[in-house]
Amino acid sequence: MFLHSLQPCFTGEVRFPADQLETLVVIAEEGSFDAAARRLALTPSAVSQRVRALERAAGQVLVRRTSPAEVTDAGAPLLRLGRQLRLLTEEAASEVGTESVVELAVAVNADSLATWFRPVLQAVAATPAVALRLYVEDEGHSHDLLRRGEVLAAVTAEPQPVQGCSVEPLGTLRYLPAAAPAFAERYRRGRGFDWAAAPVVVFNEKDRLQDRVLGAHGVGRPPVVHRVPSSDDFLAAVVAGLGWGLVPEPQLASAAALGLARLPGAKPLGVALHWQRWRLESPALHELTTAVRDAAKESLRPPPRIDRG
């Protein structure tokens, strides 16, 4: 399903050798020179030599020797090149009959992964020679992973393409303010809701969705804020009455039997999602994009039509 014909062509001087680029990628994945050396079956000294050679060719520092090791902004284009070369090499190896696994590094936000993105996993599962490396990241920050070259595609709220990427709208993931019935009743004020006092559940510090609802009611965060950094556990926390929270519409629909109550006076909140991917002639990446597009069409609200007339 994911592997078709591919005819890569490389010409010109090889300024950045493939083994050095692969070493940079492995350091980014493993977080240290020592771990990269173990994975590559090299000595740490050999890994350091490869990185220094790559830095001499680039004329810049590419890796911060911190714990964990980090690829610098200057190294991001070479990290991206290394991942692209790895992807094309793996696909070519599969085409010529050599046993090879094509790895696709993808960033997706937790709520998408827990809801509409799951059919994508089923599509990838149909091809054993393809492996997903998923990075769970907030939709407002996942494009940063693309920019740094750590992933080849991302579900993101960013409509402007990262350099070297294409972007297409997927649709809107709608969130509904909800709470356990007893919780909603405890903080009811007449026909409304006491937004200033009611405890709230957020995913983590990057999650500002609940703040948008609070801001619409003219208040800030209440004294009690619970942080639950797991989509399924976030839902469980709201069901348990820990606080109110914004629940993705597909998740709320599937959890109707749990009896969550819509909070009075709060409008649904929509987050427009986009698919950004490398502009690279990769059959595996193309098929992944098709699977993402189909899954989004099935579960997300359609993106707004743009009048180009």
Protein backbone atom coordinates (compact mmCIF):
# COMPACT_ATOMS: atom_id res chain seq x y z
CA MET A 1 0.00 0.00 0.00
CA PHE A 2 2.68 2.49 1.01
CA LEU A 3 5.48 1.44 -1.33
CA HIS A 4 5.47 2.11 -5.04
CA SER A 5 8.13 2.77 -7.66
CA LEU A 6 10.75 5.34 -6.84
CA GLN A 7 13.69 6.54 -8.91
CA PRO A 8 15.83 8.95 -6.91
CA CYS A 9 18.62 10.78 -8.67
CA PHE A 10 21.55 12.50 -6.99
CA THR A 11 24.07 14.56 -8.93
CA GLY A 12 26.90 16.91 -8.11
CA GLU A 13 29.53 16.97 -5.37
CA VAL A 14 28.66 15.23 -2.09
CA ARG A 15 29.38 17.99 0.39
CA PHE A 16 27.58 16.31 3.29
CA PRO A 17 28.27 12.55 3.28
CA ALA A 18 25.35 10.26 4.04
CA ASP A 19 27.04 8.60 7.05
CA GLN A 20 27.63 11.97 8.68
CA LEU A 21 24.04 13.07 8.09
CA GLU A 22 22.73 9.78 9.49
CA THR A 23 24.89 10.29 12.57
CA LEU A 24 23.32 13.72 13.09
CA VAL A 25 19.83 12.20 12.82
CA VAL A 26 20.62 9.45 15.33
CA ILE A 27 22.06 11.97 17.81
CA ALA A 28 18.82 13.96 17.54
CA GLU A 29 16.80 10.81 18.15
CA GLU A 30 18.91 9.35 20.96
CA GLY A 31 19.84 12.56 22.75
CA SER A 32 23.54 11.86 23.29
CA PHE A 33 26.75 10.96 21.48
CA ASP A 34 27.18 7.82 23.59
CA ALA A 35 23.68 6.52 22.81
CA ALA A 36 24.17 7.31 19.14
CA ALA A 37 27.45 5.41 19.17
CA ARG A 38 25.77 2.32 20.61
CA ARG A 39 23.00 2.42 18.03
CA LEU A 40 25.43 2.92 15.14
CA ALA A 41 27.89 0.33 16.50
CA LEU A 42 30.64 2.96 16.61
CA THR A 43 32.85 4.39 19.30
CA PRO A 44 31.84 7.76 20.81
CA SER A 45 35.08 9.13 19.34
CA ALA A 46 34.00 8.08 15.83
CA VAL A 47 30.62 9.76 16.33
CA SER A 48 32.36 12.96 17.45
CA GLN A 49 34.65 12.86 14.42
CA ARG A 50 31.70 12.56 12.06
CA VAL A 51 29.94 15.51 13.68
CA ARG A 52 33.08 17.65 13.62
CA ALA A 53 33.59 16.84 9.94
CA LEU A 54 30.01 17.82 9.20
CA GLU A 55 30.45 21.06 11.17
CA ARG A 56 33.63 21.88 9.25
CA ALA A 57 31.78 21.40 5.97
CA ALA A 58 28.88 23.56 7.16
CA GLY A 59 31.13 26.14 8.83
CA GLN A 60 28.86 26.25 11.88
CA VAL A 61 28.14 24.47 15.13
CA LEU A 62 25.43 21.91 14.42
CA VAL A 63 25.05 20.15 17.78
CA ARG A 64 24.99 21.60 21.29
CA ARG A 65 27.03 19.32 23.54
CA THR A 66 24.42 19.48 26.30
CA SER A 67 22.45 16.79 28.11
CA PRO A 68 20.47 15.91 26.13
CA ALA A 69 22.39 16.89 23.02
CA GLU A 70 20.45 19.30 20.80
CA VAL A 71 20.69 20.13 17.12
CA THR A 72 21.15 23.88 16.65
CA ASP A 73 19.10 26.08 14.35
CA ALA A 74 22.01 25.94 11.91
CA GLY A 75 21.88 22.16 12.02
CA ALA A 76 18.13 21.94 11.35
CA PRO A 77 18.45 22.00 7.52
CA LEU A 78 21.04 19.20 7.64
CA LEU A 79 18.91 17.21 10.08
CA ARG A 80 16.04 17.54 7.62
CA LEU A 81 18.32 16.52 4.73
CA GLY A 82 19.48 13.49 6.73
CA ARG A 83 15.92 12.36 7.36
CA GLN A 84 15.01 12.88 3.72
CA LEU A 85 17.99 10.87 2.58
CA ARG A 86 17.14 8.10 5.06
CA LEU A 87 13.54 7.97 3.80
CA LEU A 88 14.53 7.83 0.12
CA THR A 89 17.21 5.22 0.81
CA GLU A 90 14.80 3.02 2.76
CA GLU A 91 12.20 3.24 0.00
CA ALA A 92 14.76 2.47 -2.70
CA ALA A 93 16.03 -0.52 -0.71
CA SER A 94 12.49 -1.87 -0.46
CA GLU A 95 11.99 -1.43 -4.20
CA VAL A 96 15.06 -3.48 -5.10
CA GLY A 97 14.03 -6.29 -2.79
CA THR A 98 16.31 -5.59 0.15
CA GLU A 99 14.63 -6.00 3.53
CA SER A 100 14.19 -2.46 4.78
CA VAL A 101 11.73 -0.62 7.00
CA VAL A 102 10.57 2.84 5.95
CA GLU A 103 10.25 5.06 9.01
CA LEU A 104 7.87 8.02 8.97
CA ALA A 105 8.37 10.59 11.73
CA VAL A 106 5.12 12.49 12.32
CA ALA A 107 3.94 15.05 14.87
CA VAL A 108 0.31 14.95 15.98
CA ASN A 109 -1.52 16.52 18.90
CA ALA A 110 -2.87 14.25 21.63
CA ASP A 111 -6.55 14.99 21.00
CA SER A 112 -6.24 14.15 17.31
CA LEU A 113 -4.35 10.96 18.13
CA ALA A 114 -7.12 9.93 20.53
CA THR A 115 -9.92 10.61 18.04
CA TRP A 116 -9.95 11.14 14.27
CA PHE A 117 -6.29 10.15 13.59
CA ARG A 118 -6.74 6.51 14.62
CA PRO A 119 -7.81 5.27 11.16
CA VAL A 120 -4.41 6.50 9.95
CA LEU A 121 -2.79 3.98 12.28
CA GLN A 122 -4.94 1.25 10.75
CA ALA A 123 -3.86 2.30 7.26
CA VAL A 124 -0.18 2.16 8.19
CA ALA A 125 -0.71 -1.20 9.92
CA ALA A 126 -1.67 -2.67 6.54
CA THR A 127 1.97 -2.30 5.44
CA PRO A 128 4.39 -4.06 7.83
CA ALA A 129 7.42 -2.47 6.15
CA VAL A 130 6.39 1.02 7.31
CA ALA A 131 7.09 2.20 10.87
CA LEU A 132 5.61 5.31 12.47
CA ARG A 133 7.66 7.41 14.85
CA LEU A 134 4.99 9.58 16.47
CA TYR A 135 5.79 12.78 18.31
CA VAL A 136 2.86 13.93 20.45
CA GLU A 137 2.93 17.72 20.46
CA ASP A 138 0.44 20.54 20.88
CA GLU A 139 -1.06 21.58 17.54
CA GLY A 140 0.19 25.12 18.11
CA HIS A 141 3.80 23.94 18.38
CA SER A 142 4.09 20.88 16.14
CA HIS A 143 5.28 22.95 13.19
CA ASP A 144 8.40 23.74 15.21
CA LEU A 145 9.36 20.05 14.91
CA LEU A 146 9.06 20.40 11.13
CA ARG A 147 11.18 23.52 11.17
CA ARG A 148 13.88 21.75 13.19
CA GLY A 149 13.81 18.78 10.80
CA GLU A 150 12.75 16.30 13.51
CA VAL A 151 9.61 15.15 11.66
CA LEU A 152 8.64 14.90 8.01
CA ALA A 153 4.96 15.78 8.52
CA ALA A 154 2.75 17.27 11.20
CA VAL A 155 -0.83 17.95 12.17
CA THR A 156 -0.65 21.62 13.10
CA ALA A 157 -2.74 24.71 13.67
CA GLU A 158 -0.23 26.73 11.63
CA PRO A 159 -1.58 27.58 8.15
CA GLN A 160 1.66 29.08 6.86
CA PRO A 161 4.00 26.43 5.42
CA VAL A 162 7.37 25.85 7.00
CA GLN A 163 10.15 26.36 4.47
CA GLY A 164 10.41 23.30 2.25
CA CYS A 165 6.93 22.08 3.17
CA SER A 166 3.48 22.07 1.62
CA VAL A 167 0.33 22.67 3.65
CA GLU A 168 -3.33 21.78 3.24
CA PRO A 169 -6.34 22.37 5.52
CA LEU A 170 -7.75 19.24 7.15
CA GLY A 171 -10.80 20.65 8.86
CA THR A 172 -11.89 21.88 12.26
CA LEU A 173 -11.73 19.87 15.48
CA ARG A 174 -14.51 21.24 17.64
CA TYR A 175 -14.33 21.27 21.44
CA LEU A 176 -17.28 21.45 23.82
CA PRO A 177 -17.08 22.79 27.41
CA ALA A 178 -18.31 19.92 29.57
CA ALA A 179 -18.36 18.66 33.14
CA ALA A 180 -19.82 15.91 35.28
CA PRO A 181 -23.50 16.71 36.04
CA ALA A 182 -22.92 16.97 39.81
CA PHE A 183 -19.94 19.29 39.22
CA ALA A 184 -21.96 21.48 36.85
CA GLU A 185 -24.77 21.73 39.39
CA ARG A 186 -22.37 22.60 42.24
CA TYR A 187 -21.08 25.66 40.36
CA ARG A 188 -24.36 26.72 38.79
CA ARG A 189 -25.27 30.38 39.39
CA GLY A 190 -28.87 30.94 38.39
CA ARG A 191 -29.02 30.03 34.72
CA GLY A 192 -25.31 30.47 34.31
CA PHE A 193 -22.05 29.00 35.59
CA ASP A 194 -19.45 30.33 38.01
CA TRP A 195 -16.48 30.38 35.65
CA ALA A 196 -14.30 32.34 38.07
CA ALA A 197 -14.55 29.76 40.87
CA ALA A 198 -15.02 26.37 39.17
CA PRO A 199 -11.85 24.23 39.00
CA VAL A 200 -10.64 23.62 35.46
CA VAL A 201 -8.67 20.79 33.84
CA VAL A 202 -5.95 21.64 31.30
CA PHE A 203 -3.69 19.31 29.35
CA ASN A 204 -0.41 21.06 30.17
CA GLU A 205 1.05 24.56 30.20
CA LYS A 206 0.89 24.76 26.41
CA ASP A 207 -2.86 24.15 26.51
CA ARG A 208 -4.54 27.55 26.36
CA LEU A 209 -7.91 26.43 25.00
CA GLN A 210 -9.73 26.67 28.33
CA ASP A 211 -8.28 30.17 28.76
CA ARG A 212 -10.09 31.24 25.59
CA VAL A 213 -13.41 30.16 27.10
CA LEU A 214 -12.63 31.90 30.39
CA GLY A 215 -11.59 35.04 28.55
CA ALA A 216 -14.89 35.08 26.67
CA HIS A 217 -16.59 35.25 30.09
CA GLY A 218 -14.30 38.01 31.32
CA VAL A 219 -12.38 35.99 33.89
CA GLY A 220 -8.95 34.43 34.27
CA ARG A 221 -7.98 31.02 35.53
CA PRO A 222 -9.64 29.93 38.78
CA PRO A 223 -7.60 29.19 41.92
CA VAL A 224 -7.67 25.42 41.22
CA VAL A 225 -6.19 24.27 37.90
CA HIS A 226 -5.59 20.55 37.32
CA ARG A 227 -3.05 19.40 34.72
CA VAL A 228 -3.68 16.01 33.11
CA PRO A 229 -1.31 15.44 30.14
CA SER A 230 -3.14 12.52 28.49
CA SER A 231 -6.19 12.84 26.26
CA ASP A 232 -8.00 9.76 27.60
CA ASP A 233 -7.10 10.59 31.20
CA PHE A 234 -8.15 14.21 30.64
CA LEU A 235 -11.61 12.92 29.72
CA ALA A 236 -11.60 10.59 32.75
CA ALA A 237 -10.70 13.52 35.02
CA VAL A 238 -13.64 15.57 33.73
CA VAL A 239 -15.98 12.58 34.09
CA ALA A 240 -14.74 12.10 37.67
CA GLY A 241 -15.68 15.67 38.55
CA LEU A 242 -12.13 16.95 39.00
CA GLY A 243 -13.03 20.05 37.01
CA TRP A 244 -14.57 21.24 33.76
CA GLY A 245 -12.70 21.02 30.49
CA LEU A 246 -12.95 21.31 26.73
CA VAL A 247 -13.63 17.85 25.32
CA PRO A 248 -13.14 17.07 21.59
CA GLU A 249 -16.50 16.58 19.89
CA PRO A 250 -15.68 13.06 18.54
CA GLN A 251 -14.55 11.98 22.00
CA LEU A 252 -17.61 13.44 23.69
CA ALA A 253 -19.92 11.72 21.20
CA SER A 254 -18.31 8.34 21.86
CA ALA A 255 -18.51 8.96 25.60
CA ALA A 256 -22.20 9.95 25.63
CA ALA A 257 -23.00 7.10 28.03
CA LEU A 258 -20.75 8.78 30.61
CA GLY A 259 -23.39 11.47 31.02
CA LEU A 260 -21.21 14.57 30.72
CA ALA A 261 -23.14 17.82 30.76
CA ARG A 262 -22.63 20.75 28.40
CA LEU A 263 -21.93 23.85 30.45
CA PRO A 264 -24.49 26.65 30.15
CA GLY A 265 -23.60 29.84 28.32
CA ALA A 266 -20.44 28.50 26.65
CA LYS A 267 -20.08 28.23 22.91
CA PRO A 268 -18.16 25.40 21.20
CA LEU A 269 -14.58 26.21 20.33
CA GLY A 270 -13.14 25.20 16.96
CA VAL A 271 -9.47 24.59 16.18
CA ALA A 272 -8.57 24.60 12.50
CA LEU A 273 -6.04 21.85 11.74
CA HIS A 274 -3.63 21.63 8.83
CA TRP A 275 -1.34 18.96 7.41
CA GLN A 276 2.19 20.11 6.70
CA ARG A 277 4.64 17.76 5.00
CA TRP A 278 7.96 17.89 3.24
CA ARG A 279 7.81 18.67 -0.46
CA LEU A 280 9.48 15.38 -1.28
CA GLU A 281 8.66 12.79 -3.94
CA SER A 282 8.13 9.94 -1.51
CA PRO A 283 5.51 7.24 -2.15
CA ALA A 284 5.30 6.39 1.55
CA LEU A 285 4.77 10.03 2.49
CA HIS A 286 2.19 10.41 -0.28
CA GLU A 287 0.20 7.40 0.95
CA LEU A 288 0.41 8.64 4.53
CA THR A 289 -0.96 12.00 3.39
CA THR A 290 -3.85 10.26 1.63
CA ALA A 291 -4.68 8.31 4.80
CA VAL A 292 -4.60 11.51 6.90
CA ARG A 293 -6.77 13.35 4.39
CA ASP A 294 -9.35 10.54 4.34
CA ALA A 295 -9.47 10.28 8.14
CA ALA A 296 -9.91 14.03 8.54
CA LYS A 297 -12.69 14.12 5.96
CA GLU A 298 -14.51 11.40 7.88
CA SER A 299 -14.42 13.00 11.34
CA LEU A 300 -13.48 16.69 11.24
CA ARG A 301 -15.79 19.51 10.32
CA PRO A 302 -14.99 20.66 6.77
CA PRO A 303 -12.54 23.54 6.38
CA PRO A 304 -14.13 26.83 5.33
CA ARG A 305 -14.40 27.35 1.60
CA ILE A 306 -12.21 30.10 0.19
CA ASP A 307 -13.81 32.33 -2.42
CA ARG A 308 -11.09 32.96 -4.99
CA GLY A 309 -13.40 34.77 -7.38
